[in-house]
C-alpha cells in the first residue's frame, strides 16, 4: 500500500483564531479564517426578495428599490404600514402574474411574444413612471 503524500496545509489555533499555513510556499503565508461570531450577537438579517424589510412592530418598513422599476433607484424609502402593505401586495401580484405567464406559455407558447414588447424602453418607462411617482410621494411623506 502507498502512503499519501504529506499535507500542504497546516492549521493552527492562535488567539481563538484558526490560521492556515501553506507549507510549500517560500514565505510564511498565513490566511486567517473568519473569526467566530460573538455569543449573543444578533444574526445578520438579509432583505427579502422584494427588498422590503420591517423596521418596527407597527408595520413600518424600508423598501430598497431597484432600477428595474424605479427611475431613481437604487434607493431606500421608508414606508408607513399601509404603504408597506401595498408594496407587499404589488410584489405578490408580480410573482402571480409571472407564474400565470409561465403556466399559460406551457399550453399557448405564442404568449411569449409579449416578452420582447415588454423589454422595449417605452413600455418599461410607462410602467416605471407611476411607480417612481408613488415612491417619490412616499419619500416626501417620510421626511
Protein backbone atom coordinates (compact mmCIF):
# COMPACT_ATOMS: atom_id res chain seq x y z
CA UNK A 1 0.00 0.00 0.00
CA UNK A 2 1.12 3.51 -0.78
CA UNK A 3 1.19 6.18 1.85
CA UNK A 4 -0.37 9.52 0.92
CA UNK A 5 1.93 12.49 0.47
CA UNK A 6 2.25 14.92 3.34
CA UNK A 7 -0.36 17.68 3.51
CA UNK A 8 0.44 21.05 2.01
CA UNK A 9 -1.57 22.90 4.66
CA UNK A 10 -1.14 23.18 8.39
CA UNK A 11 -3.94 24.54 10.57
CA UNK A 12 -3.08 26.02 13.96
CA UNK A 13 -5.12 27.94 16.51
CA UNK A 14 -3.68 31.20 17.80
CA UNK A 15 -5.70 33.56 19.94
CA UNK A 16 -9.06 31.86 19.27
CA UNK A 17 -8.45 32.13 15.51
CA UNK A 18 -7.55 29.46 13.03
CA UNK A 19 -4.52 30.16 10.86
CA UNK A 20 -3.86 28.17 7.72
CA UNK A 21 -0.17 27.90 6.86
CA UNK A 22 1.00 26.89 3.38
CA UNK A 23 3.99 24.61 3.96
CA UNK A 24 5.09 24.63 0.31
CA UNK A 25 5.19 28.39 -0.12
CA UNK A 26 8.56 30.12 0.06
CA UNK A 27 7.40 32.76 2.53
CA UNK A 28 5.36 32.20 5.63
CA UNK A 29 1.91 32.90 4.20
CA UNK A 30 -0.87 32.82 6.73
CA UNK A 31 -4.52 33.01 5.91
CA UNK A 32 -6.87 33.86 8.72
CA UNK A 33 -10.16 32.07 8.91
CA UNK A 34 -13.32 34.03 9.71
CA UNK A 35 -13.48 34.84 13.39
CA UNK A 36 -16.31 33.10 15.20
CA UNK A 37 -19.42 35.16 15.86
CA UNK A 38 -19.63 36.57 19.33
CA UNK A 39 -22.08 34.79 21.56
CA UNK A 40 -25.35 36.58 21.94
CA UNK A 41 -24.86 38.70 18.83
CA UNK A 42 -27.88 39.15 16.62
CA UNK A 43 -27.81 37.26 13.33
CA UNK A 44 -27.42 39.32 10.20
CA UNK A 45 -30.78 39.70 8.53
CA UNK A 46 -30.87 39.80 4.78
CA UNK A 47 -33.50 41.70 2.90
CA UNK A 48 -36.21 39.69 1.28
CA UNK A 49 -36.54 39.11 -2.42
CA UNK A 50 -38.74 42.19 -2.71
CA UNK A 51 -36.31 44.46 -0.87
CA UNK A 52 -38.97 45.13 1.78
CA UNK A 53 -37.69 44.95 5.36
CA UNK A 54 -39.71 45.63 8.51
CA UNK A 55 -38.16 48.20 10.81
CA UNK A 56 -40.77 48.37 13.58
CA UNK A 57 -43.56 46.35 15.10
CA UNK A 58 -46.31 48.63 13.80
CA UNK A 59 -45.60 47.52 10.22
CA UNK A 60 -43.35 50.37 9.10
CA UNK A 61 -40.83 49.13 6.59
CA UNK A 62 -37.89 50.14 4.46
CA UNK A 63 -38.02 49.40 0.75
CA UNK A 64 -34.77 49.15 -1.15
CA UNK A 65 -35.72 49.82 -4.75
CA UNK A 66 -34.22 48.56 -7.96
CA UNK A 67 -33.52 50.35 -11.23
CA UNK A 68 -35.85 47.91 -12.98
CA UNK A 69 -38.96 49.59 -11.56
CA UNK A 70 -37.65 52.87 -10.08
CA UNK A 71 -36.07 55.66 -12.14
CA UNK A 72 -34.24 56.97 -9.06
CA UNK A 73 -33.18 53.54 -7.82
CA UNK A 74 -31.47 52.02 -6.07
CA UNK A 75 -32.60 53.95 -3.00
CA UNK A 76 -34.12 53.17 0.36
CA UNK A 77 -37.57 54.58 1.10
CA UNK A 78 -39.30 54.37 4.46
CA UNK A 79 -42.90 53.23 4.18
CA UNK A 80 -45.75 53.54 6.64
CA UNK A 81 -47.75 50.36 7.41
CA UNK A 82 -50.38 50.98 4.72
CA UNK A 83 -47.79 51.69 2.03
CA UNK A 84 -45.76 48.65 3.08
CA UNK A 85 -48.89 46.53 2.69
CA UNK A 86 -49.45 47.96 -0.81
CA UNK A 87 -45.81 47.26 -1.75
CA UNK A 88 -46.13 43.67 -0.49
CA UNK A 89 -49.34 43.16 -2.47
CA UNK A 90 -47.68 44.58 -5.59
CA UNK A 91 -44.75 42.19 -5.21
CA UNK A 92 -47.12 39.24 -4.73
CA UNK A 93 -49.16 40.31 -7.78
CA UNK A 94 -45.96 40.46 -9.86
CA UNK A 95 -45.00 36.94 -8.82
CA UNK A 96 -48.53 35.73 -9.51
CA UNK A 97 -48.52 37.35 -12.99
CA UNK A 98 -45.14 35.78 -13.81
CA UNK A 99 -46.39 32.37 -12.68
CA UNK A 100 -49.54 32.77 -14.76
CA UNK A 101 -47.42 33.71 -17.78
CA UNK A 102 -45.27 30.60 -17.35
CA UNK A 103 -48.27 28.29 -16.95
CA UNK A 104 -50.01 29.88 -19.93
CA UNK A 105 -46.84 29.53 -22.02
CA UNK A 106 -46.90 25.78 -21.48
CA UNK A 107 -50.25 25.49 -23.24
CA UNK A 108 -50.02 28.52 -25.56
CA UNK A 109 -46.36 29.35 -26.40
CA UNK A 110 -47.37 32.31 -28.58
CA UNK A 111 -47.97 34.31 -25.38
CA UNK A 112 -44.19 34.58 -25.04
CA UNK A 113 -44.23 37.05 -27.94
CA UNK A 114 -45.29 39.66 -25.40
CA UNK A 115 -41.87 39.49 -23.69
CA UNK A 116 -39.90 41.30 -26.42
CA UNK A 117 -42.54 44.04 -26.40
CA UNK A 118 -42.18 44.46 -22.62
CA UNK A 119 -38.40 44.54 -22.96
CA UNK A 120 -38.52 47.74 -25.04
CA UNK A 121 -37.75 51.09 -23.40
CA UNK A 122 -41.12 52.79 -23.95
CA UNK A 123 -43.36 50.16 -22.30
CA UNK A 124 -40.90 49.81 -19.40
CA UNK A 125 -40.80 53.59 -18.96
CA UNK A 126 -44.61 53.69 -18.95
CA UNK A 127 -44.62 51.14 -16.13
CA UNK A 128 -41.74 52.75 -14.20
CA UNK A 129 -43.16 56.30 -14.30
CA UNK A 130 -46.15 55.77 -11.94
CA UNK A 131 -44.12 53.54 -9.62
CA UNK A 132 -41.41 56.20 -9.33
CA UNK A 133 -44.03 58.89 -8.69
CA UNK A 134 -45.60 56.76 -5.92
CA UNK A 135 -42.19 56.14 -4.33
CA UNK A 136 -41.29 59.85 -4.55
CA UNK A 137 -44.54 60.69 -2.77
CA UNK A 138 -43.77 58.17 -0.02
CA UNK A 139 -40.23 59.55 0.35
CA UNK A 140 -41.62 63.10 0.73
CA UNK A 141 -44.11 61.91 3.37
CA UNK A 142 -41.39 60.11 5.32
CA UNK A 143 -39.32 63.21 5.68
